[in-house]
PDB file of N, CA and C in Angstrom:
ATOM      1  N   MET A   1      99.083  82.826 -40.509  1.00  0.00           N
ATOM      2  CA  MET A   1     100.098  81.850 -40.857  1.00  0.00           C
ATOM      3  C   MET A   1     100.372  80.893 -39.694  1.00  0.00           C
ATOM      4  N   ILE A   2     100.391  81.406 -38.492  1.00  0.00           N
ATOM      5  CA  ILE A   2     100.625  80.547 -37.327  1.00  0.00           C
ATOM      6  C   ILE A   2      99.525  79.511 -37.203  1.00  0.00           C
ATOM      7  N   GLU A   3      98.280  79.904 -37.482  1.00  0.00           N
ATOM      8  CA  GLU A   3      97.172  78.969 -37.382  1.00  0.00           C
ATOM      9  C   GLU A   3      97.329  77.807 -38.362  1.00  0.00           C
ATOM     10  N   VAL A   4      97.868  78.105 -39.547  1.00  0.00           N
ATOM     11  CA  VAL A   4      98.092  77.053 -40.541  1.00  0.00           C
ATOM     12  C   VAL A   4      99.114  76.056 -40.018  1.00  0.00           C
ATOM     13  N   HIS A   5     100.207  76.564 -39.450  1.00  0.00           N
ATOM     14  CA  HIS A   5     101.238  75.674 -38.917  1.00  0.00           C
ATOM     15  C   HIS A   5     100.719  74.868 -37.731  1.00  0.00           C
ATOM     16  N   GLU A   6      99.917  75.489 -36.881  1.00  0.00           N
ATOM     17  CA  GLU A   6      99.340  74.762 -35.746  1.00  0.00           C
ATOM     18  C   GLU A   6      98.456  73.625 -36.240  1.00  0.00           C
ATOM     19  N   SER A   7      97.685  73.887 -37.270  1.00  0.00           N
ATOM     20  CA  SER A   7      96.813  72.866 -37.836  1.00  0.00           C
ATOM     21  C   SER A   7      97.640  71.720 -38.426  1.00  0.00           C
ATOM     22  N   GLU A   8      98.749  72.053 -39.104  1.00  0.00           N
ATOM     23  CA  GLU A   8      99.616  71.024 -39.668  1.00  0.00           C
ATOM     24  C   GLU A   8     100.202  70.141 -38.571  1.00  0.00           C
ATOM     25  N   VAL A   9     100.635  70.764 -37.482  1.00  0.00           N
ATOM     26  CA  VAL A   9     101.211  70.003 -36.376  1.00  0.00           C
ATOM     27  C   VAL A   9     100.153  69.108 -35.751  1.00  0.00           C
ATOM     28  N   GLU A  10      98.949  69.601 -35.588  1.00  0.00           N
ATOM     29  CA  GLU A  10      97.860  68.769 -35.056  1.00  0.00           C
ATOM     30  C   GLU A  10      97.636  67.553 -35.948  1.00  0.00           C
ATOM     31  N   ASN A  11      97.652  67.754 -37.261  1.00  0.00           N
ATOM     32  CA  ASN A  11      97.458  66.637 -38.192  1.00  0.00           C
ATOM     33  C   ASN A  11      98.585  65.622 -38.084  1.00  0.00           C
ATOM     34  N   VAL A  12      99.827  66.101 -37.976  1.00  0.00           N
ATOM     35  CA  VAL A  12     100.959  65.191 -37.840  1.00  0.00           C
ATOM     36  C   VAL A  12     100.864  64.418 -36.537  1.00  0.00           C
ATOM     37  N   MET A  13     100.523  65.076 -35.463  1.00  0.00           N
ATOM     38  CA  MET A  13     100.410  64.394 -34.171  1.00  0.00           C
ATOM     39  C   MET A  13      99.314  63.334 -34.211  1.00  0.00           C
ATOM     40  N   THR A  14      98.216  63.635 -34.879  1.00  0.00           N
ATOM     41  CA  THR A  14      97.139  62.654 -35.035  1.00  0.00           C
ATOM     42  C   THR A  14      97.639  61.444 -35.810  1.00  0.00           C
ATOM     43  N   ARG A  15      98.418  61.683 -36.864  1.00  0.00           N
ATOM     44  CA  ARG A  15      98.973  60.577 -37.647  1.00  0.00           C
ATOM     45  C   ARG A  15      99.944  59.734 -36.819  1.00  0.00           C
ATOM     46  N   ILE A  16     100.737  60.401 -35.983  1.00  0.00           N
ATOM     47  CA  ILE A  16     101.675  59.667 -35.132  1.00  0.00           C
ATOM     48  C   ILE A  16     100.902  58.781 -34.160  1.00  0.00           C
ATOM     49  N   ILE A  17      99.840  59.299 -33.570  1.00  0.00           N
ATOM     50  CA  ILE A  17      99.020  58.509 -32.646  1.00  0.00           C
ATOM     51  C   ILE A  17      98.419  57.308 -33.367  1.00  0.00           C
ATOM     52  N   GLN A  18      97.911  57.509 -34.570  1.00  0.00           N
ATOM     53  CA  GLN A  18      97.336  56.417 -35.345  1.00  0.00           C
ATOM     54  C   GLN A  18      98.404  55.372 -35.685  1.00  0.00           C
ATOM     55  N   ALA A  19      99.592  55.833 -36.053  1.00  0.00           N
ATOM     56  CA  ALA A  19     100.681  54.914 -36.376  1.00  0.00           C
ATOM     57  C   ALA A  19     101.095  54.113 -35.142  1.00  0.00           C
ATOM     58  N   GLN A  20     101.129  54.765 -33.993  1.00  0.00           N
ATOM     59  CA  GLN A  20     101.473  54.068 -32.754  1.00  0.00           C
ATOM     60  C   GLN A  20     100.422  53.002 -32.433  1.00  0.00           C
ATOM     61  N   ALA A  21      99.166  53.328 -32.652  1.00  0.00           N
ATOM     62  CA  ALA A  21      98.099  52.361 -32.397  1.00  0.00           C
ATOM     63  C   ALA A  21      98.244  51.147 -33.314  1.00  0.00           C
ATOM     64  N   LEU A  22      98.571  51.383 -34.575  1.00  0.00           N
ATOM     65  CA  LEU A  22      98.787  50.272 -35.507  1.00  0.00           C
ATOM     66  C   LEU A  22      99.974  49.428 -35.080  1.00  0.00           C
ATOM     67  N   ASN A  23     101.063  50.080 -34.695  1.00  0.00           N
ATOM     68  CA  ASN A  23     102.252  49.352 -34.269  1.00  0.00           C
ATOM     69  C   ASN A  23     101.968  48.542 -33.011  1.00  0.00           C
ATOM     70  N   TYR A  24     101.279  49.157 -32.061  1.00  0.00           N
ATOM     71  CA  TYR A  24     100.952  48.450 -30.815  1.00  0.00           C
ATOM     72  C   TYR A  24     100.067  47.237 -31.113  1.00  0.00           C
ATOM     73  N   GLY A  25      99.122  47.410 -32.001  1.00  0.00           N
ATOM     74  CA  GLY A  25      98.250  46.294 -32.366  1.00  0.00           C
ATOM     75  C   GLY A  25      98.999  45.173 -33.063  1.00  0.00           C
ATOM     76  N   ALA A  26     100.039  45.525 -33.819  1.00  0.00           N
ATOM     77  CA  ALA A  26     100.787  44.520 -34.577  1.00  0.00           C
ATOM     78  C   ALA A  26     101.822  43.787 -33.737  1.00  0.00           C
ATOM     79  N   VAL A  27     102.527  44.525 -32.856  1.00  0.00           N
ATOM     80  CA  VAL A  27     103.631  43.888 -32.128  1.00  0.00           C
ATOM     81  C   VAL A  27     103.547  44.034 -30.615  1.00  0.00           C
ATOM     82  N   GLY A  28     102.549  44.757 -30.123  1.00  0.00           N
ATOM     83  CA  GLY A  28     102.366  44.875 -28.683  1.00  0.00           C
ATOM     84  C   GLY A  28     103.255  45.888 -27.994  1.00  0.00           C
ATOM     85  N   THR A  29     103.952  46.712 -28.784  1.00  0.00           N
ATOM     86  CA  THR A  29     104.778  47.778 -28.218  1.00  0.00           C
ATOM     87  C   THR A  29     104.611  49.039 -29.046  1.00  0.00           C
ATOM     88  N   PHE A  30     105.018  50.146 -28.472  1.00  0.00           N
ATOM     89  CA  PHE A  30     105.062  51.394 -29.222  1.00  0.00           C
ATOM     90  C   PHE A  30     106.404  51.461 -29.930  1.00  0.00           C
ATOM     91  N   GLY A  31     106.496  52.269 -30.966  1.00  0.00           N
ATOM     92  CA  GLY A  31     107.727  52.300 -31.745  1.00  0.00           C
ATOM     93  C   GLY A  31     108.277  53.692 -31.956  1.00  0.00           C
ATOM     94  N   GLU A  32     109.564  53.737 -32.253  1.00  0.00           N
ATOM     95  CA  GLU A  32     110.200  54.995 -32.620  1.00  0.00           C
ATOM     96  C   GLU A  32     109.869  55.271 -34.078  1.00  0.00           C
ATOM     97  N   MET A  33     110.138  56.494 -34.531  1.00  0.00           N
ATOM     98  CA  MET A  33     109.752  56.900 -35.876  1.00  0.00           C
ATOM     99  C   MET A  33     110.298  55.949 -36.939  1.00  0.00           C
ATOM    100  N   SER A  34     111.566  55.554 -36.806  1.00  0.00           N
ATOM    101  CA  SER A  34     112.167  54.670 -37.814  1.00  0.00           C
ATOM    102  C   SER A  34     111.399  53.354 -37.934  1.00  0.00           C
ATOM    103  N   GLU A  35     110.929  52.835 -36.815  1.00  0.00           N
ATOM    104  CA  GLU A  35     110.154  51.593 -36.831  1.00  0.00           C
ATOM    105  C   GLU A  35     108.803  51.815 -37.510  1.00  0.00           C
ATOM    106  N   LEU A  36     108.170  52.932 -37.219  1.00  0.00           N
ATOM    107  CA  LEU A  36     106.875  53.233 -37.837  1.00  0.00           C
ATOM    108  C   LEU A  36     107.027  53.409 -39.346  1.00  0.00           C
ATOM    109  N   PHE A  37     108.113  54.065 -39.777  1.00  0.00           N
ATOM    110  CA  PHE A  37     108.374  54.241 -41.206  1.00  0.00           C
ATOM    111  C   PHE A  37     108.633  52.889 -41.873  1.00  0.00           C
ATOM    112  N   SER A  38     109.483  52.078 -41.256  1.00  0.00           N
ATOM    113  CA  SER A  38     109.876  50.812 -41.887  1.00  0.00           C
ATOM    114  C   SER A  38     108.706  49.853 -42.039  1.00  0.00           C
ATOM    115  N   LYS A  39     107.735  49.928 -41.149  1.00  0.00           N
ATOM    116  CA  LYS A  39     106.559  49.051 -41.226  1.00  0.00           C
ATOM    117  C   LYS A  39     105.441  49.633 -42.080  1.00  0.00           C
ATOM    118  N   GLY A  40     105.650  50.849 -42.564  1.00  0.00           N
ATOM    119  CA  GLY A  40     104.648  51.475 -43.412  1.00  0.00           C
ATOM    120  C   GLY A  40     103.472  52.060 -42.653  1.00  0.00           C
ATOM    121  N   PHE A  41     103.611  52.211 -41.336  1.00  0.00           N
ATOM    122  CA  PHE A  41     102.532  52.777 -40.530  1.00  0.00           C
ATOM    123  C   PHE A  41     102.529  54.299 -40.570  1.00  0.00           C
ATOM    124  N   TYR A  42     103.604  54.873 -41.070  1.00  0.00           N
ATOM    125  CA  TYR A  42     103.729  56.326 -41.073  1.00  0.00           C
ATOM    126  C   TYR A  42     104.371  56.756 -42.376  1.00  0.00           C
ATOM    127  N   CYS A  43     103.902  57.829 -42.947  1.00  0.00           N
ATOM    128  CA  CYS A  43     104.335  58.309 -44.252  1.00  0.00           C
ATOM    129  C   CYS A  43     105.785  58.799 -44.219  1.00  0.00           C
ATOM    130  N   LYS A  44     106.624  58.255 -45.099  1.00  0.00           N
ATOM    131  CA  LYS A  44     108.042  58.615 -45.110  1.00  0.00           C
ATOM    132  C   LYS A  44     108.283  60.075 -45.476  1.00  0.00           C
ATOM    133  N   ILE A  45     107.341  60.720 -46.124  1.00  0.00           N
ATOM    134  CA  ILE A  45     107.517  62.125 -46.478  1.00  0.00           C
ATOM    135  C   ILE A  45     107.655  62.988 -45.219  1.00  0.00           C
ATOM    136  N   LEU A  46     107.137  62.501 -44.108  1.00  0.00           N
ATOM    137  CA  LEU A  46     107.214  63.244 -42.853  1.00  0.00           C
ATOM    138  C   LEU A  46     108.467  62.902 -42.055  1.00  0.00           C
ATOM    139  N   GLN A  47     109.357  62.121 -42.672  1.00  0.00           N
ATOM    140  CA  GLN A  47     110.595  61.739 -42.007  1.00  0.00           C
ATOM    141  C   GLN A  47     111.554  62.927 -41.893  1.00  0.00           C
ATOM    142  N   THR A  48     111.390  63.910 -42.763  1.00  0.00           N
ATOM    143  CA  THR A  48     112.222  65.111 -42.708  1.00  0.00           C
ATOM    144  C   THR A  48     111.322  66.325 -42.515  1.00  0.00           C
ATOM    145  N   SER A  49     111.939  67.462 -42.318  1.00  0.00           N
ATOM    146  CA  SER A  49     111.177  68.697 -42.107  1.00  0.00           C
ATOM    147  C   SER A  49     110.774  69.375 -43.410  1.00  0.00           C
ATOM    148  N   GLU A  50     111.103  68.784 -44.545  1.00  0.00           N
ATOM    149  CA  GLU A  50     110.836  69.419 -45.838  1.00  0.00           C
ATOM    150  C   GLU A  50     109.361  69.709 -46.077  1.00  0.00           C
ATOM    151  N   SER A  51     108.478  68.807 -45.709  1.00  0.00           N
ATOM    152  CA  SER A  51     107.060  68.993 -46.023  1.00  0.00           C
ATOM    153  C   SER A  51     106.336  69.878 -45.009  1.00  0.00           C
ATOM    154  N   THR A  52     106.745  69.821 -43.746  1.00  0.00           N
ATOM    155  CA  THR A  52     106.017  70.575 -42.716  1.00  0.00           C
ATOM    156  C   THR A  52     106.820  71.714 -42.103  1.00  0.00           C
ATOM    157  N   GLY A  53     108.142  71.650 -42.224  1.00  0.00           N
ATOM    158  CA  GLY A  53     108.982  72.633 -41.561  1.00  0.00           C
ATOM    159  C   GLY A  53     109.309  72.252 -40.127  1.00  0.00           C
ATOM    160  N   TYR A  54     108.840  71.090 -39.696  1.00  0.00           N
ATOM    161  CA  TYR A  54     109.057  70.628 -38.331  1.00  0.00           C
ATOM    162  C   TYR A  54     109.770  69.283 -38.338  1.00  0.00           C
ATOM    163  N   ASN A  55     110.545  69.033 -37.304  1.00  0.00           N
ATOM    164  CA  ASN A  55     111.150  67.727 -37.074  1.00  0.00           C
ATOM    165  C   ASN A  55     110.435  67.089 -35.894  1.00  0.00           C
ATOM    166  N   PHE A  56     110.070  65.837 -36.038  1.00  0.00           N
ATOM    167  CA  PHE A  56     109.405  65.105 -34.974  1.00  0.00           C
ATOM    168  C   PHE A  56     110.281  63.928 -34.571  1.00  0.00           C
ATOM    169  N   LYS A  57     110.312  63.656 -33.292  1.00  0.00           N
ATOM    170  CA  LYS A  57     111.115  62.549 -32.779  1.00  0.00           C
ATOM    171  C   LYS A  57     110.327  61.851 -31.682  1.00  0.00           C
ATOM    172  N   ILE A  58     110.371  60.537 -31.713  1.00  0.00           N
ATOM    173  CA  ILE A  58     109.736  59.738 -30.668  1.00  0.00           C
ATOM    174  C   ILE A  58     110.831  58.947 -29.970  1.00  0.00           C
ATOM    175  N   VAL A  59     110.867  59.053 -28.677  1.00  0.00           N
ATOM    176  CA  VAL A  59     111.810  58.266 -27.880  1.00  0.00           C
ATOM    177  C   VAL A  59     110.977  57.321 -27.026  1.00  0.00           C
ATOM    178  N   VAL A  60     111.173  56.041 -27.229  1.00  0.00           N
ATOM    179  CA  VAL A  60     110.414  55.021 -26.519  1.00  0.00           C
ATOM    180  C   VAL A  60     111.223  54.582 -25.306  1.00  0.00           C
ATOM    181  N   SER A  61     110.579  54.538 -24.168  1.00  0.00           N
ATOM    182  CA  SER A  61     111.266  54.113 -22.949  1.00  0.00           C
ATOM    183  C   SER A  61     111.562  52.617 -23.025  1.00  0.00           C
ATOM    184  N   ALA A  62     112.418  52.161 -22.167  1.00  0.00           N
ATOM    185  CA  ALA A  62     112.851  50.764 -22.178  1.00  0.00           C
ATOM    186  C   ALA A  62     111.684  49.789 -22.004  1.00  0.00           C
ATOM    187  N   ASP A  63     110.668  50.173 -21.246  1.00  0.00           N
ATOM    188  CA  ASP A  63     109.549  49.269 -21.025  1.00  0.00           C
ATOM    189  C   ASP A  63     108.457  49.386 -22.084  1.00  0.00           C
ATOM    190  N   LYS A  64     108.625  50.283 -23.034  1.00  0.00           N
ATOM    191  CA  LYS A  64     107.715  50.507 -24.164  1.00  0.00           C
ATOM    192  C   LYS A  64     106.276  50.482 -23.746  1.00  0.00           C
TER     193      LYS A  64
END
């Protein structure tokens, strides 16, 4: 069971990296989760822990 959850987290992290790359390409900065969701770069189903059991948060520094 732990291996399944580890695999899910790896997939989510890969999606976050891809979403960040899209956001950076579009606006030249990295974004917080809300920005990635609002631009459609990241699936809104992952906005809560309901689908994976995990909460993810991105905090972007002032210099992005």
